[in-house]
C-alpha cells in the first residue's frame, strides 16, 4: 500500500529534522527527481552525499 501524500510529506520533513539534529547543522534534503534546472542538477550530482545506498 502506498502512503498518502500527507504521510509522505511528514516523513520527508521528519527525515530532514532528524538528519539536521544528528549532524548538528542545517542540511539540504533534495529529491533529485524534482530538479529540472540542468545547471542546478549538475551541481547537486557533483556535490551530493548518499545517506543510504541499497546493495
N, C-alpha and C. Protein backbone atom coordinates (compact mmCIF):
# COMPACT_ATOMS: atom_id res chain seq x y z
N UNK A 1 0.84 -1.17 0.00
CA UNK A 1 0.00 0.00 0.00
C UNK A 1 0.89 1.25 0.00
N UNK A 2 0.56 2.22 -0.82
CA UNK A 2 1.31 3.46 -0.93
C UNK A 2 0.83 4.46 0.13
N UNK A 3 1.78 5.07 0.87
CA UNK A 3 1.36 6.08 1.86
C UNK A 3 0.66 7.25 1.20
N UNK A 4 -0.26 7.87 1.92
CA UNK A 4 -0.95 9.06 1.42
C UNK A 4 0.02 10.23 1.36
N UNK A 5 -0.29 11.22 0.53
CA UNK A 5 0.59 12.37 0.34
C UNK A 5 0.96 13.07 1.64
N UNK A 6 0.02 13.35 2.55
CA UNK A 6 0.42 14.00 3.80
C UNK A 6 1.40 13.14 4.61
N UNK A 7 1.24 11.83 4.55
CA UNK A 7 2.17 10.95 5.25
C UNK A 7 3.57 11.06 4.66
N UNK A 8 3.66 11.11 3.33
CA UNK A 8 4.96 11.24 2.67
C UNK A 8 5.61 12.58 3.03
N UNK A 9 4.83 13.64 3.01
CA UNK A 9 5.37 14.96 3.34
C UNK A 9 5.87 14.98 4.78
N UNK A 10 5.11 14.42 5.70
CA UNK A 10 5.52 14.40 7.10
C UNK A 10 6.78 13.55 7.29
N UNK A 11 6.85 12.44 6.59
CA UNK A 11 8.05 11.59 6.69
C UNK A 11 9.28 12.31 6.15
N UNK A 12 9.11 13.04 5.04
CA UNK A 12 10.21 13.81 4.45
C UNK A 12 10.69 14.87 5.43
N UNK A 13 9.74 15.61 6.02
CA UNK A 13 10.10 16.65 6.98
C UNK A 13 10.74 16.07 8.23
N UNK A 14 10.26 14.92 8.68
CA UNK A 14 10.85 14.30 9.86
C UNK A 14 12.28 13.82 9.57
N UNK A 15 12.51 13.29 8.37
CA UNK A 15 13.86 12.91 7.98
C UNK A 15 14.78 14.12 7.98
N UNK A 16 14.29 15.23 7.44
CA UNK A 16 15.06 16.48 7.43
C UNK A 16 15.42 16.91 8.86
N UNK A 17 14.43 16.92 9.73
CA UNK A 17 14.67 17.33 11.12
C UNK A 17 15.66 16.40 11.82
N UNK A 18 15.46 15.10 11.65
CA UNK A 18 16.33 14.12 12.30
C UNK A 18 17.77 14.24 11.81
N UNK A 19 17.95 14.34 10.50
CA UNK A 19 19.31 14.46 9.97
C UNK A 19 19.98 15.76 10.42
N UNK A 20 19.24 16.85 10.43
CA UNK A 20 19.80 18.12 10.91
C UNK A 20 20.24 18.01 12.36
N UNK A 21 19.41 17.36 13.17
CA UNK A 21 19.74 17.20 14.59
C UNK A 21 20.96 16.28 14.76
N UNK A 22 20.98 15.16 14.07
CA UNK A 22 22.08 14.20 14.19
C UNK A 22 23.39 14.81 13.72
N UNK A 23 23.35 15.54 12.61
CA UNK A 23 24.57 16.12 12.05
C UNK A 23 24.96 17.43 12.72
N UNK A 24 24.03 18.02 13.47
CA UNK A 24 24.33 19.25 14.16
C UNK A 24 24.50 20.44 13.25
N UNK A 25 23.85 20.42 12.12
CA UNK A 25 23.96 21.53 11.17
C UNK A 25 22.75 21.52 10.25
N UNK A 26 22.57 22.63 9.54
CA UNK A 26 21.49 22.69 8.56
C UNK A 26 21.87 21.85 7.35
N UNK A 27 20.89 21.23 6.75
CA UNK A 27 21.13 20.40 5.57
C UNK A 27 20.16 20.79 4.46
N UNK A 28 20.47 20.38 3.26
CA UNK A 28 19.56 20.48 2.13
C UNK A 28 19.17 19.06 1.77
N UNK A 29 17.92 18.75 1.92
CA UNK A 29 17.40 17.43 1.59
C UNK A 29 16.58 17.59 0.33
N UNK A 30 17.12 17.09 -0.78
CA UNK A 30 16.53 17.34 -2.09
C UNK A 30 16.24 16.02 -2.79
N UNK A 31 15.08 15.94 -3.38
CA UNK A 31 14.75 14.80 -4.24
C UNK A 31 15.23 15.14 -5.65
N UNK A 32 16.18 14.41 -6.14
CA UNK A 32 16.78 14.71 -7.44
C UNK A 32 15.77 14.61 -8.58
N UNK A 33 14.76 13.80 -8.40
CA UNK A 33 13.75 13.63 -9.45
C UNK A 33 12.96 14.92 -9.71
N UNK A 34 12.88 15.79 -8.74
CA UNK A 34 12.11 17.02 -8.89
C UNK A 34 12.91 18.20 -9.42
N UNK A 35 14.21 18.03 -9.60
CA UNK A 35 15.06 19.14 -10.04
C UNK A 35 15.10 19.17 -11.56
N UNK A 36 14.62 20.27 -12.14
CA UNK A 36 14.55 20.38 -13.61
C UNK A 36 15.64 21.27 -14.20
N UNK A 37 16.18 22.19 -13.42
CA UNK A 37 17.23 23.08 -13.91
C UNK A 37 18.52 22.26 -14.12
N UNK A 38 19.01 22.17 -15.35
CA UNK A 38 20.18 21.32 -15.62
C UNK A 38 21.45 21.77 -14.91
N UNK A 39 21.61 23.08 -14.70
CA UNK A 39 22.81 23.58 -14.02
C UNK A 39 22.76 23.23 -12.53
N UNK A 40 21.60 23.41 -11.92
CA UNK A 40 21.43 23.07 -10.51
C UNK A 40 21.56 21.56 -10.32
N UNK A 41 20.98 20.79 -11.25
CA UNK A 41 21.05 19.33 -11.17
C UNK A 41 22.50 18.86 -11.25
N UNK A 42 23.28 19.44 -12.16
CA UNK A 42 24.69 19.07 -12.30
C UNK A 42 25.46 19.37 -11.02
N UNK A 43 25.16 20.52 -10.41
CA UNK A 43 25.82 20.89 -9.14
C UNK A 43 25.45 19.90 -8.04
N UNK A 44 24.18 19.56 -7.97
CA UNK A 44 23.74 18.58 -6.97
C UNK A 44 24.43 17.24 -7.16
N UNK A 45 24.48 16.78 -8.39
CA UNK A 45 25.09 15.49 -8.67
C UNK A 45 26.58 15.47 -8.34
N UNK A 46 27.24 16.61 -8.49
CA UNK A 46 28.68 16.64 -8.21
C UNK A 46 29.00 16.81 -6.73
N UNK A 47 28.03 17.27 -5.93
CA UNK A 47 28.31 17.52 -4.51
C UNK A 47 27.48 16.66 -3.55
N UNK A 48 26.60 15.83 -4.08
CA UNK A 48 25.72 15.07 -3.19
C UNK A 48 26.47 13.99 -2.44
N UNK A 49 25.93 13.67 -1.29
CA UNK A 49 26.45 12.60 -0.45
C UNK A 49 25.30 11.63 -0.17
N UNK A 50 25.43 10.39 -0.61
CA UNK A 50 24.35 9.45 -0.32
C UNK A 50 24.27 9.17 1.18
N UNK A 51 23.05 9.08 1.68
CA UNK A 51 22.88 8.77 3.09
C UNK A 51 22.46 7.32 3.27
N UNK A 52 22.07 6.69 2.16
CA UNK A 52 21.72 5.28 2.19
C UNK A 52 21.83 4.76 0.77
N UNK A 53 22.50 3.65 0.62
CA UNK A 53 22.60 3.03 -0.69
C UNK A 53 22.30 1.55 -0.56
N UNK A 54 21.30 1.10 -1.25
CA UNK A 54 20.94 -0.31 -1.22
C UNK A 54 22.00 -1.12 -1.96
N UNK A 55 22.30 -2.28 -1.44
CA UNK A 55 23.32 -3.13 -2.06
C UNK A 55 22.79 -3.84 -3.27
